[in-house]
Structures are given as C-alpha cells and as structure tokens.
Amino acid sequence: MTYFVAPTPYRMARRFARMAECEQPEHSHSYTLSVDIREQDDAYVLSALVPGLKAEELNIQILEDVVTVEGEFKADESEYLVRELPHGSFRRTLRLPVTLEAEKAQAKITDGVLTLRLPKAESARPKTIKVAVK
C-alpha cells in the first residue's frame, strides 16, 4: 500500500509570509510562551521555557485567579539562513480555576526553565474533616 502526502495549499504561503517577516528587521515579532501547569493539593506549578532570560527580564503579575507572564527575547541584527529560536516580546495571560495568594507566589529560573509556584487561596483549598467515632 502506498500513501501519498500532499502539502496543504496554504503551507507554502505561510512559509513565504514568515520569510518575508524575517527579512524586515523593524518588524516586531510576537512569541507565544508555551507553558505546562500541574495541580498539587495546595498550589499550581507553572513551567515555561525561557532560554537566555534572567529573572529581572521577566514581569510576572498575579491578580486573583489571573497570572500574566511578560518578557522579551533579545534579537541580534545578524542575518540568518534559518531562524527558529524565539525572538521578540511575549505576553501570556492564564486564568486558573481558583483564586491565588499572590503574596506567597514563588518564581525561579533554573537552566532556562521558569518554575512558578502559585499557592491557592485558603478558601479554595480542600478541607479535611475528621469524623468522630463514639
């Protein structure tokens, strides 16, 4: 059995559009920050790849149940044959299912990975009630 894979008709058009953007150095690139979020009992843990960024180059804001991460990957003025590494500014806003305690949030960058610990508000944490046995 033989399969023939035909490119979608718009794939080449998208590729040419990206190439045209790369040729314009004054063009402002926007990058979408990819994140992983996992839930623990008392917090959410957000992980994102931010290669080459330092802690002071990130702006993290927490308001009730909304987390915003902003920053910019610095781009040099070199010419590239292929340019796939992130460059330009990014802003990612996420709404989590519960209210967060902004003052207890912790962020760190290790080996280009941002780890943001977002504690749940006391009212959103699960309560354990012990049943008295008589």
C-alpha atoms as a PDB file:
ATOM      1  CA  MET A   1       0.000   0.000   0.000  1.00  0.00           C
ATOM      2  CA  THR A   2       1.365   3.409  -0.945  1.00  0.00           C
ATOM      3  CA  TYR A   3       0.483   6.685   0.736  1.00  0.00           C
ATOM      4  CA  PHE A   4       0.992   9.994  -0.992  1.00  0.00           C
ATOM      5  CA  VAL A   5       1.343  13.024   1.215  1.00  0.00           C
ATOM      6  CA  ALA A   6       0.429  16.260  -0.454  1.00  0.00           C
ATOM      7  CA  PRO A   7       1.223  19.556   1.267  1.00  0.00           C
ATOM      8  CA  THR A   8      -1.699  21.713   2.190  1.00  0.00           C
ATOM      9  CA  PRO A   9      -2.189  24.502  -0.356  1.00  0.00           C
ATOM     10  CA  TYR A  10      -1.533  27.232   2.220  1.00  0.00           C
ATOM     11  CA  ARG A  11       1.647  25.766   3.748  1.00  0.00           C
ATOM     12  CA  MET A  12       3.933  27.417   1.188  1.00  0.00           C
ATOM     13  CA  ALA A  13       2.092  30.731   1.521  1.00  0.00           C
ATOM     14  CA  ARG A  14       2.609  30.689   5.299  1.00  0.00           C
ATOM     15  CA  ARG A  15       6.291  29.818   4.838  1.00  0.00           C
ATOM     16  CA  PHE A  16       6.796  32.728   2.403  1.00  0.00           C
ATOM     17  CA  ALA A  17       4.991  35.095   4.776  1.00  0.00           C
ATOM     18  CA  ARG A  18       7.290  34.043   7.662  1.00  0.00           C
ATOM     19  CA  MET A  19      10.336  34.509   5.457  1.00  0.00           C
ATOM     20  CA  ALA A  20       9.172  37.983   4.486  1.00  0.00           C
ATOM     21  CA  GLU A  21       8.731  38.903   8.161  1.00  0.00           C
ATOM     22  CA  CYS A  22      12.283  37.749   8.962  1.00  0.00           C
ATOM     23  CA  GLU A  23      13.655  39.998   6.234  1.00  0.00           C
ATOM     24  CA  GLN A  24      12.164  43.076   7.905  1.00  0.00           C
ATOM     25  CA  PRO A  25      14.316  43.884  10.974  1.00  0.00           C
ATOM     26  CA  GLU A  26      11.994  46.670  12.092  1.00  0.00           C
ATOM     27  CA  HIS A  27       9.091  44.230  12.249  1.00  0.00           C
ATOM     28  CA  SER A  28       8.126  43.480  15.840  1.00  0.00           C
ATOM     29  CA  HIS A  29       7.884  39.732  16.423  1.00  0.00           C
ATOM     30  CA  SER A  30       5.488  38.301  18.927  1.00  0.00           C
ATOM     31  CA  TYR A  31       6.181  34.969  20.568  1.00  0.00           C
ATOM     32  CA  THR A  32       3.633  32.786  22.353  1.00  0.00           C
ATOM     33  CA  LEU A  33       5.063  31.428  25.584  1.00  0.00           C
ATOM     34  CA  SER A  34       4.264  27.734  25.946  1.00  0.00           C
ATOM     35  CA  VAL A  35       3.533  26.580  29.485  1.00  0.00           C
ATOM     36  CA  ASP A  36       2.853  23.421  31.457  1.00  0.00           C
ATOM     37  CA  ILE A  37       0.627  23.702  34.537  1.00  0.00           C
ATOM     38  CA  ARG A  38       0.135  20.946  37.061  1.00  0.00           C
ATOM     39  CA  GLU A  39      -2.032  20.954  40.154  1.00  0.00           C
ATOM     40  CA  GLN A  40      -0.883  19.995  43.622  1.00  0.00           C
ATOM     41  CA  ASP A  41      -3.010  19.886  46.770  1.00  0.00           C
ATOM     42  CA  ASP A  42      -2.318  23.464  47.805  1.00  0.00           C
ATOM     43  CA  ALA A  43      -0.849  25.104  44.685  1.00  0.00           C
ATOM     44  CA  TYR A  44      -0.453  25.181  40.925  1.00  0.00           C
ATOM     45  CA  VAL A  45       3.013  24.835  39.411  1.00  0.00           C
ATOM     46  CA  LEU A  46       3.609  26.586  36.086  1.00  0.00           C
ATOM     47  CA  SER A  47       6.675  25.704  33.990  1.00  0.00           C
ATOM     48  CA  ALA A  48       7.829  27.551  30.872  1.00  0.00           C
ATOM     49  CA  LEU A  49      10.949  27.553  28.724  1.00  0.00           C
ATOM     50  CA  VAL A  50      12.659  30.963  28.812  1.00  0.00           C
ATOM     51  CA  PRO A  51      16.155  30.307  27.417  1.00  0.00           C
ATOM     52  CA  GLY A  52      18.638  33.110  27.913  1.00  0.00           C
ATOM     53  CA  LEU A  53      16.384  35.271  30.100  1.00  0.00           C
ATOM     54  CA  LYS A  54      17.288  36.434  33.576  1.00  0.00           C
ATOM     55  CA  ALA A  55      14.826  36.889  36.431  1.00  0.00           C
ATOM     56  CA  GLU A  56      14.863  40.697  36.133  1.00  0.00           C
ATOM     57  CA  GLU A  57      13.867  40.473  32.462  1.00  0.00           C
ATOM     58  CA  LEU A  58      10.516  38.850  33.300  1.00  0.00           C
ATOM     59  CA  ASN A  59       7.411  40.595  34.567  1.00  0.00           C
ATOM     60  CA  ILE A  60       5.010  38.309  36.434  1.00  0.00           C
ATOM     61  CA  GLN A  61       1.687  39.620  37.703  1.00  0.00           C
ATOM     62  CA  ILE A  62      -0.982  37.804  39.709  1.00  0.00           C
ATOM     63  CA  LEU A  63      -4.443  39.247  40.256  1.00  0.00           C
ATOM     64  CA  GLU A  64      -6.999  36.969  41.954  1.00  0.00           C
ATOM     65  CA  ASP A  65      -7.106  33.972  39.558  1.00  0.00           C
ATOM     66  CA  VAL A  66      -5.235  35.507  36.596  1.00  0.00           C
ATOM     67  CA  VAL A  67      -1.485  35.080  36.005  1.00  0.00           C
ATOM     68  CA  THR A  68       0.404  37.159  33.420  1.00  0.00           C
ATOM     69  CA  VAL A  69       3.987  36.474  32.338  1.00  0.00           C
ATOM     70  CA  GLU A  70       5.711  39.064  30.115  1.00  0.00           C
ATOM     71  CA  GLY A  71       9.203  39.363  28.720  1.00  0.00           C
ATOM     72  CA  GLU A  72      11.296  39.783  25.630  1.00  0.00           C
ATOM     73  CA  PHE A  73      13.856  37.618  23.904  1.00  0.00           C
ATOM     74  CA  LYS A  74      16.599  39.932  22.662  1.00  0.00           C
ATOM     75  CA  ALA A  75      17.320  39.613  18.960  1.00  0.00           C
ATOM     76  CA  ASP A  76      20.627  40.472  17.374  1.00  0.00           C
ATOM     77  CA  GLU A  77      20.913  42.118  13.975  1.00  0.00           C
ATOM     78  CA  SER A  78      22.613  39.169  12.253  1.00  0.00           C
ATOM     79  CA  GLU A  79      21.310  37.640   9.062  1.00  0.00           C
ATOM     80  CA  TYR A  80      20.088  34.060   9.322  1.00  0.00           C
ATOM     81  CA  LEU A  81      19.535  31.272   6.839  1.00  0.00           C
ATOM     82  CA  VAL A  82      17.104  29.609   9.272  1.00  0.00           C
ATOM     83  CA  ARG A  83      15.655  31.341  12.322  1.00  0.00           C
ATOM     84  CA  GLU A  84      13.599  29.145  14.641  1.00  0.00           C
ATOM     85  CA  LEU A  85      14.690  30.210  18.112  1.00  0.00           C
ATOM     86  CA  PRO A  86      12.266  32.524  19.899  1.00  0.00           C
ATOM     87  CA  HIS A  87      12.845  36.241  19.464  1.00  0.00           C
ATOM     88  CA  GLY A  88      10.729  39.260  20.215  1.00  0.00           C
ATOM     89  CA  SER A  89       8.352  40.046  23.029  1.00  0.00           C
ATOM     90  CA  PHE A  90       5.821  37.747  24.609  1.00  0.00           C
ATOM     91  CA  ARG A  91       2.886  38.046  26.966  1.00  0.00           C
ATOM     92  CA  ARG A  92       0.903  35.089  28.268  1.00  0.00           C
ATOM     93  CA  THR A  93      -2.189  35.511  30.421  1.00  0.00           C
ATOM     94  CA  LEU A  94      -3.831  32.499  32.054  1.00  0.00           C
ATOM     95  CA  ARG A  95      -6.977  32.219  34.147  1.00  0.00           C
ATOM     96  CA  LEU A  96      -6.825  29.443  36.727  1.00  0.00           C
ATOM     97  CA  PRO A  97      -9.913  27.806  38.247  1.00  0.00           C
ATOM     98  CA  VAL A  98      -9.376  29.171  41.788  1.00  0.00           C
ATOM     99  CA  THR A  99      -8.212  32.353  43.490  1.00  0.00           C
ATOM    100  CA  LEU A 100      -4.475  32.535  44.186  1.00  0.00           C
ATOM    101  CA  GLU A 101      -2.419  34.003  47.029  1.00  0.00           C
ATOM    102  CA  ALA A 102      -0.198  36.449  45.139  1.00  0.00           C
ATOM    103  CA  GLU A 103       1.953  37.370  48.149  1.00  0.00           C
ATOM    104  CA  LYS A 104       3.039  33.733  48.646  1.00  0.00           C
ATOM    105  CA  ALA A 105       3.887  33.005  44.988  1.00  0.00           C
ATOM    106  CA  GLN A 106       7.459  31.919  44.227  1.00  0.00           C
ATOM    107  CA  ALA A 107       9.330  32.073  40.928  1.00  0.00           C
ATOM    108  CA  LYS A 108      12.739  30.761  39.913  1.00  0.00           C
ATOM    109  CA  ILE A 109      14.674  30.189  36.706  1.00  0.00           C
ATOM    110  CA  THR A 110      16.938  27.149  36.525  1.00  0.00           C
ATOM    111  CA  ASP A 111      18.704  26.131  33.305  1.00  0.00           C
ATOM    112  CA  GLY A 112      16.334  28.238  31.183  1.00  0.00           C
ATOM    113  CA  VAL A 113      13.158  26.857  32.777  1.00  0.00           C
ATOM    114  CA  LEU A 114      10.853  29.209  34.663  1.00  0.00           C
ATOM    115  CA  THR A 115       9.093  27.483  37.558  1.00  0.00           C
ATOM    116  CA  LEU A 116       6.287  29.490  39.133  1.00  0.00           C
ATOM    117  CA  ARG A 117       4.586  28.143  42.256  1.00  0.00           C
ATOM    118  CA  LEU A 118       1.124  29.652  42.702  1.00  0.00           C
ATOM    119  CA  PRO A 119      -0.458  28.805  46.082  1.00  0.00           C
ATOM    120  CA  LYS A 120      -4.227  28.501  46.165  1.00  0.00           C
ATOM    121  CA  ALA A 121      -6.138  30.852  48.436  1.00  0.00           C
ATOM    122  CA  GLU A 122      -7.195  29.352  51.757  1.00  0.00           C
ATOM    123  CA  SER A 123     -10.855  29.411  50.695  1.00  0.00           C
ATOM    124  CA  ALA A 124     -10.045  27.326  47.592  1.00  0.00           C
ATOM    125  CA  ARG A 125      -8.074  24.579  49.339  1.00  0.00           C
ATOM    126  CA  PRO A 126      -9.785  21.281  50.046  1.00  0.00           C
ATOM    127  CA  LYS A 127     -10.838  20.815  53.658  1.00  0.00           C
ATOM    128  CA  THR A 128     -10.425  17.560  55.533  1.00  0.00           C
ATOM    129  CA  ILE A 129     -12.974  16.850  58.221  1.00  0.00           C
ATOM    130  CA  LYS A 130     -12.441  14.017  60.647  1.00  0.00           C
ATOM    131  CA  VAL A 131     -15.451  12.079  61.759  1.00  0.00           C
ATOM    132  CA  ALA A 132     -15.619  11.381  65.487  1.00  0.00           C
ATOM    133  CA  VAL A 133     -16.297   7.767  66.337  1.00  0.00           C
ATOM    134  CA  LYS A 134     -18.185   7.082  69.576  1.00  0.00           C
END
